[in-house]
Amino acid sequence: MQYIVYSTNAVNFINISHSIHWVAPL
């Protein structure tokens, strides 16, 4: 269960990172 949660958080983090990159690319 923890592995699934960790994987989900990792995917969400990547999605947020991509969103920030598109909104304000550094």
PDB file of N, CA and C in Angstrom:
ATOM      1  N   MET A   1       0.841  -1.202   0.000  1.00  0.00           N
ATOM      2  CA  MET A   1       0.000   0.000   0.000  1.00  0.00           C
ATOM      3  C   MET A   1       0.879   1.256   0.000  1.00  0.00           C
ATOM      4  N   GLN A   2       1.886   1.272   0.823  1.00  0.00           N
ATOM      5  CA  GLN A   2       2.749   2.454   0.884  1.00  0.00           C
ATOM      6  C   GLN A   2       3.415   2.709  -0.469  1.00  0.00           C
ATOM      7  N   TYR A   3       3.770   1.608  -1.154  1.00  0.00           N
ATOM      8  CA  TYR A   3       4.431   1.758  -2.458  1.00  0.00           C
ATOM      9  C   TYR A   3       3.486   2.423  -3.455  1.00  0.00           C
ATOM     10  N   ILE A   4       2.215   2.016  -3.416  1.00  0.00           N
ATOM     11  CA  ILE A   4       1.221   2.599  -4.326  1.00  0.00           C
ATOM     12  C   ILE A   4       1.058   4.091  -4.023  1.00  0.00           C
ATOM     13  N   VAL A   5       0.976   4.427  -2.750  1.00  0.00           N
ATOM     14  CA  VAL A   5       0.816   5.836  -2.364  1.00  0.00           C
ATOM     15  C   VAL A   5       2.040   6.629  -2.799  1.00  0.00           C
ATOM     16  N   TYR A   6       3.220   6.054  -2.593  1.00  0.00           N
ATOM     17  CA  TYR A   6       4.456   6.740  -2.964  1.00  0.00           C
ATOM     18  C   TYR A   6       4.492   6.975  -4.473  1.00  0.00           C
ATOM     19  N   SER A   7       4.086   5.960  -5.238  1.00  0.00           N
ATOM     20  CA  SER A   7       4.077   6.084  -6.697  1.00  0.00           C
ATOM     21  C   SER A   7       3.106   7.182  -7.121  1.00  0.00           C
ATOM     22  N   THR A   8       1.939   7.207  -6.491  1.00  0.00           N
ATOM     23  CA  THR A   8       0.938   8.221  -6.828  1.00  0.00           C
ATOM     24  C   THR A   8       1.479   9.615  -6.527  1.00  0.00           C
ATOM     25  N   ASN A   9       2.128   9.779  -5.379  1.00  0.00           N
ATOM     26  CA  ASN A   9       2.689  11.079  -5.016  1.00  0.00           C
ATOM     27  C   ASN A   9       3.770  11.479  -6.014  1.00  0.00           C
ATOM     28  N   ALA A  10       4.565  10.524  -6.448  1.00  0.00           N
ATOM     29  CA  ALA A  10       5.629  10.815  -7.416  1.00  0.00           C
ATOM     30  C   ALA A  10       5.022  11.301  -8.725  1.00  0.00           C
ATOM     31  N   VAL A  11       3.962  10.633  -9.176  1.00  0.00           N
ATOM     32  CA  VAL A  11       3.294  11.035 -10.425  1.00  0.00           C
ATOM     33  C   VAL A  11       2.710  12.428 -10.271  1.00  0.00           C
ATOM     34  N   ASN A  12       2.068  12.694  -9.141  1.00  0.00           N
ATOM     35  CA  ASN A  12       1.479  14.017  -8.907  1.00  0.00           C
ATOM     36  C   ASN A  12       2.574  15.073  -8.892  1.00  0.00           C
ATOM     37  N   PHE A  13       3.705  14.772  -8.266  1.00  0.00           N
ATOM     38  CA  PHE A  13       4.817  15.719  -8.197  1.00  0.00           C
ATOM     39  C   PHE A  13       5.325  16.034  -9.602  1.00  0.00           C
ATOM     40  N   ILE A  14       5.445  14.987 -10.429  1.00  0.00           N
ATOM     41  CA  ILE A  14       5.910  15.185 -11.812  1.00  0.00           C
ATOM     42  C   ILE A  14       4.906  16.043 -12.577  1.00  0.00           C
ATOM     43  N   ASN A  15       3.617  15.764 -12.400  1.00  0.00           N
ATOM     44  CA  ASN A  15       2.585  16.538 -13.099  1.00  0.00           C
ATOM     45  C   ASN A  15       2.648  18.000 -12.675  1.00  0.00           C
ATOM     46  N   ILE A  16       2.807  18.254 -11.378  1.00  0.00           N
ATOM     47  CA  ILE A  16       2.889  19.631 -10.883  1.00  0.00           C
ATOM     48  C   ILE A  16       4.135  20.300 -11.450  1.00  0.00           C
ATOM     49  N   SER A  17       5.240  19.564 -11.490  1.00  0.00           N
ATOM     50  CA  SER A  17       6.487  20.122 -12.013  1.00  0.00           C
ATOM     51  C   SER A  17       6.297  20.533 -13.467  1.00  0.00           C
ATOM     52  N   HIS A  18       5.648  19.680 -14.255  1.00  0.00           N
ATOM     53  CA  HIS A  18       5.410  20.002 -15.658  1.00  0.00           C
ATOM     54  C   HIS A  18       4.485  21.212 -15.769  1.00  0.00           C
ATOM     55  N   SER A  19       3.478  21.279 -14.908  1.00  0.00           N
ATOM     56  CA  SER A  19       2.540  22.402 -14.952  1.00  0.00           C
ATOM     57  C   SER A  19       3.275  23.701 -14.654  1.00  0.00           C
ATOM     58  N   ILE A  20       4.128  23.690 -13.628  1.00  0.00           N
ATOM     59  CA  ILE A  20       4.879  24.896 -13.270  1.00  0.00           C
ATOM     60  C   ILE A  20       5.818  25.264 -14.420  1.00  0.00           C
ATOM     61  N   HIS A  21       6.424  24.246 -15.038  1.00  0.00           N
ATOM     62  CA  HIS A  21       7.356  24.496 -16.136  1.00  0.00           C
ATOM     63  C   HIS A  21       6.639  25.190 -17.287  1.00  0.00           C
ATOM     64  N   TRP A  22       5.419  24.746 -17.573  1.00  0.00           N
ATOM     65  CA  TRP A  22       4.669  25.340 -18.679  1.00  0.00           C
ATOM     66  C   TRP A  22       4.194  26.749 -18.320  1.00  0.00           C
ATOM     67  N   VAL A  23       3.824  26.947 -17.061  1.00  0.00           N
ATOM     68  CA  VAL A  23       3.314  28.257 -16.648  1.00  0.00           C
ATOM     69  C   VAL A  23       4.461  29.255 -16.537  1.00  0.00           C
ATOM     70  N   ALA A  24       5.543  28.845 -15.886  1.00  0.00           N
ATOM     71  CA  ALA A  24       6.683  29.751 -15.704  1.00  0.00           C
ATOM     72  C   ALA A  24       7.980  28.974 -15.894  1.00  0.00           C
ATOM     73  N   PRO A  25       8.370  28.729 -17.134  1.00  0.00           N
ATOM     74  CA  PRO A  25       9.608  27.977 -17.393  1.00  0.00           C
ATOM     75  C   PRO A  25      10.809  28.715 -16.827  1.00  0.00           C
ATOM     76  N   LEU A  26      11.670  27.951 -16.170  1.00  0.00           N
ATOM     77  CA  LEU A  26      12.851  28.593 -15.567  1.00  0.00           C
ATOM     78  C   LEU A  26      14.023  28.428 -16.527  1.00  0.00           C
TER      79      LEU A  26
END
